[in-house]
Structure formats: C-alpha cells, structure tokens
Amino acid sequence: MVDHTLCGNCEPCDACALRRESLAPQSNGYGQITDHRHIYVECNHCGGHGLKPIPPAEIIRRTCEEARRLYWPALDRRSQA
C-alpha cells in the first residue's frame, strides 16, 4: 500500500507521469509552464495515486547501501583495493 507520509518507500509512476504530460497544457498564456503533477488520471498500474510502492526487500537493500556509504566508507575502500 502506498503511504505518502513515508520518505523513500514509493517511486513515481511513469505511466501516470506520461498521461499527465499529455493532458496538461504546456503554457497558461502568460509564458508560465503549468504544474501538471496534480492532474488526476486513472491508472491501472498505481490506482491513480501517482506513486508505486517499493517492495520491502528493495527498501532494505537501498537502506543498507546508504548506511554503508555514510557510516562505513572504509569498507568500500577496502573492497575496492
């Protein structure tokens, strides 16, 4: 299930993004580009949320990779040597 309040647990839905871009006008007449991210579209892939949940295994893999990069940089230097 998609939880918009948790950072890093969802990815943007590419199908929704493409549909929103095709539906939105590119200019509002004043030379400003309109924001098309808030246009509601029906999507079979994400249910219209605009976000796809990331599987728990992928969240854990990304978290461990980031923790290793931030807290154990010497481990990466040793593995590259």
PDB file of N, CA and C in Angstrom:
ATOM      1  N   MET A   1       0.844  -1.182   0.000  1.00  0.00           N
ATOM      2  CA  MET A   1       0.000   0.000   0.000  1.00  0.00           C
ATOM      3  C   MET A   1       0.888   1.244   0.000  1.00  0.00           C
ATOM      4  N   VAL A   2       0.470   2.238  -0.718  1.00  0.00           N
ATOM      5  CA  VAL A   2       1.237   3.472  -0.842  1.00  0.00           C
ATOM      6  C   VAL A   2       1.000   4.342   0.381  1.00  0.00           C
ATOM      7  N   ASP A   3       2.083   4.771   1.017  1.00  0.00           N
ATOM      8  CA  ASP A   3       1.993   5.685   2.154  1.00  0.00           C
ATOM      9  C   ASP A   3       2.760   6.948   1.779  1.00  0.00           C
ATOM     10  N   HIS A   4       2.028   8.029   1.531  1.00  0.00           N
ATOM     11  CA  HIS A   4       2.648   9.281   1.079  1.00  0.00           C
ATOM     12  C   HIS A   4       3.467   9.956   2.172  1.00  0.00           C
ATOM     13  N   THR A   5       3.285   9.542   3.434  1.00  0.00           N
ATOM     14  CA  THR A   5       3.977  10.206   4.532  1.00  0.00           C
ATOM     15  C   THR A   5       5.371   9.643   4.770  1.00  0.00           C
ATOM     16  N   LEU A   6       5.689   8.486   4.230  1.00  0.00           N
ATOM     17  CA  LEU A   6       6.992   7.871   4.442  1.00  0.00           C
ATOM     18  C   LEU A   6       7.910   8.187   3.271  1.00  0.00           C
ATOM     19  N   CYS A   7       9.053   8.731   3.589  1.00  0.00           N
ATOM     20  CA  CYS A   7      10.018   9.114   2.560  1.00  0.00           C
ATOM     21  C   CYS A   7      10.796   7.880   2.098  1.00  0.00           C
ATOM     22  N   GLY A   8      10.880   7.686   0.813  1.00  0.00           N
ATOM     23  CA  GLY A   8      11.697   6.615   0.271  1.00  0.00           C
ATOM     24  C   GLY A   8      11.008   5.287   0.115  1.00  0.00           C
ATOM     25  N   ASN A   9       9.711   5.180   0.396  1.00  0.00           N
ATOM     26  CA  ASN A   9       9.013   3.910   0.262  1.00  0.00           C
ATOM     27  C   ASN A   9       8.211   3.806  -1.021  1.00  0.00           C
ATOM     28  N   CYS A  10       8.249   4.840  -1.846  1.00  0.00           N
ATOM     29  CA  CYS A  10       7.488   4.849  -3.099  1.00  0.00           C
ATOM     30  C   CYS A  10       8.335   5.458  -4.210  1.00  0.00           C
ATOM     31  N   GLU A  11       7.985   5.079  -5.430  1.00  0.00           N
ATOM     32  CA  GLU A  11       8.592   5.676  -6.614  1.00  0.00           C
ATOM     33  C   GLU A  11       7.486   6.305  -7.447  1.00  0.00           C
ATOM     34  N   PRO A  12       7.799   7.339  -8.208  1.00  0.00           N
ATOM     35  CA  PRO A  12       6.780   7.923  -9.084  1.00  0.00           C
ATOM     36  C   PRO A  12       6.341   6.915 -10.147  1.00  0.00           C
ATOM     37  N   CYS A  13       5.081   6.960 -10.487  1.00  0.00           N
ATOM     38  CA  CYS A  13       4.528   6.079 -11.519  1.00  0.00           C
ATOM     39  C   CYS A  13       4.808   6.701 -12.884  1.00  0.00           C
ATOM     40  N   ASP A  14       5.562   5.992 -13.706  1.00  0.00           N
ATOM     41  CA  ASP A  14       5.920   6.502 -15.033  1.00  0.00           C
ATOM     42  C   ASP A  14       4.702   6.609 -15.944  1.00  0.00           C
ATOM     43  N   ALA A  15       3.771   5.672 -15.816  1.00  0.00           N
ATOM     44  CA  ALA A  15       2.576   5.700 -16.666  1.00  0.00           C
ATOM     45  C   ALA A  15       1.742   6.943 -16.379  1.00  0.00           C
ATOM     46  N   CYS A  16       1.560   7.274 -15.102  1.00  0.00           N
ATOM     47  CA  CYS A  16       0.793   8.474 -14.735  1.00  0.00           C
ATOM     48  C   CYS A  16       1.503   9.737 -15.210  1.00  0.00           C
ATOM     49  N   ALA A  17       2.808   9.766 -15.064  1.00  0.00           N
ATOM     50  CA  ALA A  17       3.562  10.955 -15.472  1.00  0.00           C
ATOM     51  C   ALA A  17       3.403  11.216 -16.966  1.00  0.00           C
ATOM     52  N   LEU A  18       3.456  10.165 -17.771  1.00  0.00           N
ATOM     53  CA  LEU A  18       3.291  10.335 -19.213  1.00  0.00           C
ATOM     54  C   LEU A  18       1.881  10.804 -19.560  1.00  0.00           C
ATOM     55  N   ARG A  19       0.877  10.254 -18.878  1.00  0.00           N
ATOM     56  CA  ARG A  19      -0.501  10.666 -19.161  1.00  0.00           C
ATOM     57  C   ARG A  19      -0.737  12.102 -18.729  1.00  0.00           C
ATOM     58  N   ARG A  20      -0.190  12.498 -17.583  1.00  0.00           N
ATOM     59  CA  ARG A  20      -0.367  13.877 -17.112  1.00  0.00           C
ATOM     60  C   ARG A  20       0.287  14.871 -18.067  1.00  0.00           C
ATOM     61  N   GLU A  21       1.468  14.525 -18.561  1.00  0.00           N
ATOM     62  CA  GLU A  21       2.151  15.415 -19.500  1.00  0.00           C
ATOM     63  C   GLU A  21       1.349  15.602 -20.781  1.00  0.00           C
ATOM     64  N   SER A  22       0.697  14.542 -21.232  1.00  0.00           N
ATOM     65  CA  SER A  22      -0.070  14.662 -22.473  1.00  0.00           C
ATOM     66  C   SER A  22      -1.380  15.408 -22.264  1.00  0.00           C
ATOM     67  N   LEU A  23      -1.930  15.393 -21.042  1.00  0.00           N
ATOM     68  CA  LEU A  23      -3.196  16.061 -20.768  1.00  0.00           C
ATOM     69  C   LEU A  23      -3.034  17.534 -20.419  1.00  0.00           C
ATOM     70  N   ALA A  24      -1.900  17.899 -19.856  1.00  0.00           N
ATOM     71  CA  ALA A  24      -1.717  19.263 -19.353  1.00  0.00           C
ATOM     72  C   ALA A  24      -1.316  20.210 -20.474  1.00  0.00           C
ATOM     73  N   PRO A  25      -1.851  21.418 -20.454  1.00  0.00           N
ATOM     74  CA  PRO A  25      -1.356  22.428 -21.400  1.00  0.00           C
ATOM     75  C   PRO A  25       0.057  22.840 -20.991  1.00  0.00           C
ATOM     76  N   GLN A  26       0.876  23.141 -21.959  1.00  0.00           N
ATOM     77  CA  GLN A  26       2.269  23.480 -21.671  1.00  0.00           C
ATOM     78  C   GLN A  26       2.449  24.915 -21.207  1.00  0.00           C
ATOM     79  N   SER A  27       1.525  25.787 -21.526  1.00  0.00           N
ATOM     80  CA  SER A  27       1.639  27.178 -21.126  1.00  0.00           C
ATOM     81  C   SER A  27       0.263  27.693 -20.739  1.00  0.00           C
ATOM     82  N   ASN A  28       0.221  28.590 -19.758  1.00  0.00           N
ATOM     83  CA  ASN A  28      -1.065  29.129 -19.322  1.00  0.00           C
ATOM     84  C   ASN A  28      -1.401  30.450 -20.005  1.00  0.00           C
ATOM     85  N   GLY A  29      -0.677  30.827 -21.026  1.00  0.00           N
ATOM     86  CA  GLY A  29      -0.950  32.059 -21.753  1.00  0.00           C
ATOM     87  C   GLY A  29      -0.118  33.232 -21.279  1.00  0.00           C
ATOM     88  N   TYR A  30       0.519  33.099 -20.136  1.00  0.00           N
ATOM     89  CA  TYR A  30       1.360  34.169 -19.597  1.00  0.00           C
ATOM     90  C   TYR A  30       2.836  33.799 -19.667  1.00  0.00           C
ATOM     91  N   GLY A  31       3.138  32.761 -20.416  1.00  0.00           N
ATOM     92  CA  GLY A  31       4.519  32.334 -20.553  1.00  0.00           C
ATOM     93  C   GLY A  31       5.003  31.459 -19.414  1.00  0.00           C
ATOM     94  N   GLN A  32       4.097  31.054 -18.522  1.00  0.00           N
ATOM     95  CA  GLN A  32       4.481  30.211 -17.397  1.00  0.00           C
ATOM     96  C   GLN A  32       4.061  28.773 -17.682  1.00  0.00           C
ATOM     97  N   ILE A  33       4.926  27.859 -17.367  1.00  0.00           N
ATOM     98  CA  ILE A  33       4.612  26.443 -17.529  1.00  0.00           C
ATOM     99  C   ILE A  33       3.700  26.029 -16.380  1.00  0.00           C
ATOM    100  N   THR A  34       2.619  25.349 -16.705  1.00  0.00           N
ATOM    101  CA  THR A  34       1.689  24.914 -15.661  1.00  0.00           C
ATOM    102  C   THR A  34       2.209  23.651 -14.992  1.00  0.00           C
ATOM    103  N   ASP A  35       1.831  23.460 -13.756  1.00  0.00           N
ATOM    104  CA  ASP A  35       2.229  22.278 -12.999  1.00  0.00           C
ATOM    105  C   ASP A  35       1.235  21.169 -13.304  1.00  0.00           C
ATOM    106  N   HIS A  36       1.695  20.114 -13.947  1.00  0.00           N
ATOM    107  CA  HIS A  36       0.808  19.034 -14.359  1.00  0.00           C
ATOM    108  C   HIS A  36       0.836  17.853 -13.398  1.00  0.00           C
ATOM    109  N   ARG A  37       1.566  17.948 -12.283  1.00  0.00           N
ATOM    110  CA  ARG A  37       1.655  16.822 -11.355  1.00  0.00           C
ATOM    111  C   ARG A  37       0.377  16.599 -10.568  1.00  0.00           C
ATOM    112  N   HIS A  38      -0.505  17.591 -10.513  1.00  0.00           N
ATOM    113  CA  HIS A  38      -1.702  17.477  -9.691  1.00  0.00           C
ATOM    114  C   HIS A  38      -2.952  17.142 -10.492  1.00  0.00           C
ATOM    115  N   ILE A  39      -2.811  16.834 -11.764  1.00  0.00           N
ATOM    116  CA  ILE A  39      -3.946  16.425 -12.579  1.00  0.00           C
ATOM    117  C   ILE A  39      -4.248  14.965 -12.263  1.00  0.00           C
ATOM    118  N   TYR A  40      -5.505  14.658 -11.940  1.00  0.00           N
ATOM    119  CA  TYR A  40      -5.875  13.280 -11.631  1.00  0.00           C
ATOM    120  C   TYR A  40      -6.040  12.495 -12.920  1.00  0.00           C
ATOM    121  N   VAL A  41      -5.421  11.347 -12.978  1.00  0.00           N
ATOM    122  CA  VAL A  41      -5.592  10.427 -14.100  1.00  0.00           C
ATOM    123  C   VAL A  41      -5.897   9.048 -13.534  1.00  0.00           C
ATOM    124  N   GLU A  42      -6.709   8.295 -14.260  1.00  0.00           N
ATOM    125  CA  GLU A  42      -6.965   6.916 -13.863  1.00  0.00           C
ATOM    126  C   GLU A  42      -5.822   6.059 -14.391  1.00  0.00           C
ATOM    127  N   CYS A  43      -5.279   5.243 -13.521  1.00  0.00           N
ATOM    128  CA  CYS A  43      -4.126   4.427 -13.891  1.00  0.00           C
ATOM    129  C   CYS A  43      -4.338   3.011 -13.364  1.00  0.00           C
ATOM    130  N   ASN A  44      -4.160   2.026 -14.225  1.00  0.00           N
ATOM    131  CA  ASN A  44      -4.277   0.634 -13.801  1.00  0.00           C
ATOM    132  C   ASN A  44      -3.030   0.156 -13.071  1.00  0.00           C
ATOM    133  N   HIS A  45      -1.939   0.860 -13.257  1.00  0.00           N
ATOM    134  CA  HIS A  45      -0.668   0.426 -12.663  1.00  0.00           C
ATOM    135  C   HIS A  45      -0.561   0.821 -11.189  1.00  0.00           C
ATOM    136  N   CYS A  46      -0.949   2.057 -10.849  1.00  0.00           N
ATOM    137  CA  CYS A  46      -0.800   2.527  -9.463  1.00  0.00           C
ATOM    138  C   CYS A  46      -2.132   2.892  -8.817  1.00  0.00           C
ATOM    139  N   GLY A  47      -3.226   2.779  -9.541  1.00  0.00           N
ATOM    140  CA  GLY A  47      -4.526   3.118  -8.980  1.00  0.00           C
ATOM    141  C   GLY A  47      -4.807   4.609  -8.949  1.00  0.00           C
ATOM    142  N   GLY A  48      -4.037   5.400  -9.678  1.00  0.00           N
ATOM    143  CA  GLY A  48      -4.258   6.841  -9.726  1.00  0.00           C
ATOM    144  C   GLY A  48      -3.552   7.623  -8.639  1.00  0.00           C
ATOM    145  N   HIS A  49      -2.765   6.963  -7.792  1.00  0.00           N
ATOM    146  CA  HIS A  49      -2.029   7.660  -6.731  1.00  0.00           C
ATOM    147  C   HIS A  49      -0.854   8.454  -7.278  1.00  0.00           C
ATOM    148  N   GLY A  50      -0.279   7.966  -8.365  1.00  0.00           N
ATOM    149  CA  GLY A  50       0.910   8.598  -8.915  1.00  0.00           C
ATOM    150  C   GLY A  50       2.188   8.054  -8.309  1.00  0.00           C
ATOM    151  N   LEU A  51       2.045   7.120  -7.367  1.00  0.00           N
ATOM    152  CA  LEU A  51       3.204   6.500  -6.722  1.00  0.00           C
ATOM    153  C   LEU A  51       3.063   4.985  -6.750  1.00  0.00           C
ATOM    154  N   LYS A  52       4.187   4.303  -6.945  1.00  0.00           N
ATOM    155  CA  LYS A  52       4.217   2.847  -6.886  1.00  0.00           C
ATOM    156  C   LYS A  52       4.978   2.449  -5.625  1.00  0.00           C
ATOM    157  N   PRO A  53       4.451   1.522  -4.832  1.00  0.00           N
ATOM    158  CA  PRO A  53       5.187   1.090  -3.645  1.00  0.00           C
ATOM    159  C   PRO A  53       6.424   0.285  -4.036  1.00  0.00           C
ATOM    160  N   ILE A  54       7.473   0.471  -3.271  1.00  0.00           N
ATOM    161  CA  ILE A  54       8.702  -0.290  -3.475  1.00  0.00           C
ATOM    162  C   ILE A  54       8.605  -1.542  -2.606  1.00  0.00           C
ATOM    163  N   PRO A  55       8.978  -2.701  -3.125  1.00  0.00           N
ATOM    164  CA  PRO A  55       8.935  -3.924  -2.314  1.00  0.00           C
ATOM    165  C   PRO A  55       9.842  -3.804  -1.087  1.00  0.00           C
ATOM    166  N   PRO A  56       9.455  -4.429   0.034  1.00  0.00           N
ATOM    167  CA  PRO A  56      10.266  -4.331   1.263  1.00  0.00           C
ATOM    168  C   PRO A  56      11.721  -4.754   1.073  1.00  0.00           C
ATOM    169  N   ALA A  57      11.974  -5.777   0.282  1.00  0.00           N
ATOM    170  CA  ALA A  57      13.357  -6.216   0.068  1.00  0.00           C
ATOM    171  C   ALA A  57      14.188  -5.120  -0.604  1.00  0.00           C
ATOM    172  N   GLU A  58      13.584  -4.383  -1.523  1.00  0.00           N
ATOM    173  CA  GLU A  58      14.295  -3.291  -2.200  1.00  0.00           C
ATOM    174  C   GLU A  58      14.548  -2.132  -1.243  1.00  0.00           C
ATOM    175  N   ILE A  59      13.590  -1.835  -0.361  1.00  0.00           N
ATOM    176  CA  ILE A  59      13.772  -0.778   0.644  1.00  0.00           C
ATOM    177  C   ILE A  59      14.938  -1.130   1.556  1.00  0.00           C
ATOM    178  N   ILE A  60      15.001  -2.381   1.991  1.00  0.00           N
ATOM    179  CA  ILE A  60      16.089  -2.827   2.875  1.00  0.00           C
ATOM    180  C   ILE A  60      17.425  -2.746   2.147  1.00  0.00           C
ATOM    181  N   ARG A  61      17.461  -3.168   0.880  1.00  0.00           N
ATOM    182  CA  ARG A  61      18.710  -3.119   0.118  1.00  0.00           C
ATOM    183  C   ARG A  61      19.213  -1.687  -0.029  1.00  0.00           C
ATOM    184  N   ARG A  62      18.302  -0.757  -0.360  1.00  0.00           N
ATOM    185  CA  ARG A  62      18.687   0.648  -0.512  1.00  0.00           C
ATOM    186  C   ARG A  62      19.138   1.249   0.816  1.00  0.00           C
ATOM    187  N   THR A  63      18.457   0.902   1.897  1.00  0.00           N
ATOM    188  CA  THR A  63      18.820   1.425   3.214  1.00  0.00           C
ATOM    189  C   THR A  63      20.199   0.935   3.631  1.00  0.00           C
ATOM    190  N   CYS A  64      20.477  -0.344   3.425  1.00  0.00           N
ATOM    191  CA  CYS A  64      21.792  -0.893   3.775  1.00  0.00           C
ATOM    192  C   CYS A  64      22.896  -0.278   2.921  1.00  0.00           C
ATOM    193  N   GLU A  65      22.615  -0.088   1.654  1.00  0.00           N
ATOM    194  CA  GLU A  65      23.602   0.535   0.765  1.00  0.00           C
ATOM    195  C   GLU A  65      23.923   1.961   1.209  1.00  0.00           C
ATOM    196  N   GLU A  66      22.898   2.720   1.560  1.00  0.00           N
ATOM    197  CA  GLU A  66      23.102   4.102   2.012  1.00  0.00           C
ATOM    198  C   GLU A  66      23.819   4.143   3.361  1.00  0.00           C
ATOM    199  N   ALA A  67      23.464   3.232   4.277  1.00  0.00           N
ATOM    200  CA  ALA A  67      24.130   3.184   5.582  1.00  0.00           C
ATOM    201  C   ALA A  67      25.605   2.832   5.416  1.00  0.00           C
ATOM    202  N   ARG A  68      25.893   1.888   4.529  1.00  0.00           N
ATOM    203  CA  ARG A  68      27.290   1.521   4.299  1.00  0.00           C
ATOM    204  C   ARG A  68      28.066   2.701   3.724  1.00  0.00           C
ATOM    205  N   ARG A  69      27.439   3.446   2.822  1.00  0.00           N
ATOM    206  CA  ARG A  69      28.113   4.600   2.215  1.00  0.00           C
ATOM    207  C   ARG A  69      28.374   5.695   3.244  1.00  0.00           C
ATOM    208  N   LEU A  70      27.404   5.937   4.147  1.00  0.00           N
ATOM    209  CA  LEU A  70      27.534   7.031   5.108  1.00  0.00           C
ATOM    210  C   LEU A  70      28.365   6.674   6.335  1.00  0.00           C
ATOM    211  N   TYR A  71      28.175   5.471   6.861  1.00  0.00           N
ATOM    212  CA  TYR A  71      28.767   5.136   8.154  1.00  0.00           C
ATOM    213  C   TYR A  71      30.005   4.260   8.062  1.00  0.00           C
ATOM    214  N   TRP A  72      30.196   3.548   6.958  1.00  0.00           N
ATOM    215  CA  TRP A  72      31.345   2.673   6.838  1.00  0.00           C
ATOM    216  C   TRP A  72      32.069   2.889   5.521  1.00  0.00           C
ATOM    217  N   PRO A  73      32.564   4.104   5.272  1.00  0.00           N
ATOM    218  CA  PRO A  73      33.256   4.334   3.990  1.00  0.00           C
ATOM    219  C   PRO A  73      34.548   3.527   3.867  1.00  0.00           C
ATOM    220  N   ALA A  74      35.158   3.165   4.997  1.00  0.00           N
ATOM    221  CA  ALA A  74      36.388   2.378   4.940  1.00  0.00           C
ATOM    222  C   ALA A  74      36.116   0.995   4.350  1.00  0.00           C
ATOM    223  N   LEU A  75      34.930   0.467   4.550  1.00  0.00           N
ATOM    224  CA  LEU A  75      34.576  -0.833   3.992  1.00  0.00           C
ATOM    225  C   LEU A  75      34.612  -0.789   2.469  1.00  0.00           C
ATOM    226  N   ASP A  76      34.107   0.269   1.888  1.00  0.00           N
ATOM    227  CA  ASP A  76      34.144   0.400   0.432  1.00  0.00           C
ATOM    228  C   ASP A  76      35.572   0.551  -0.073  1.00  0.00           C
ATOM    229  N   ARG A  77      36.403   1.298   0.645  1.00  0.00           N
ATOM    230  CA  ARG A  77      37.797   1.467   0.224  1.00  0.00           C
ATOM    231  C   ARG A  77      38.538   0.133   0.271  1.00  0.00           C
ATOM    232  N   ARG A  78      38.266  -0.679   1.306  1.00  0.00           N
ATOM    233  CA  ARG A  78      38.926  -1.980   1.406  1.00  0.00           C
ATOM    234  C   ARG A  78      38.462  -2.919   0.299  1.00  0.00           C
ATOM    235  N   SER A  79      37.172  -2.872  -0.025  1.00  0.00           N
ATOM    236  CA  SER A  79      36.658  -3.787  -1.046  1.00  0.00           C
ATOM    237  C   SER A  79      37.138  -3.398  -2.443  1.00  0.00           C
ATOM    238  N   GLN A  80      37.462  -2.125  -2.662  1.00  0.00           N
ATOM    239  CA  GLN A  80      37.949  -1.680  -3.966  1.00  0.00           C
ATOM    240  C   GLN A  80      39.449  -1.913  -4.124  1.00  0.00           C
ATOM    241  N   ALA A  81      40.163  -2.067  -3.033  1.00  0.00           N
ATOM    242  CA  ALA A  81      41.622  -2.233  -3.092  1.00  0.00           C
ATOM    243  C   ALA A  81      42.024  -3.632  -3.476  1.00  0.00           C
TER     244      ALA A  81
END
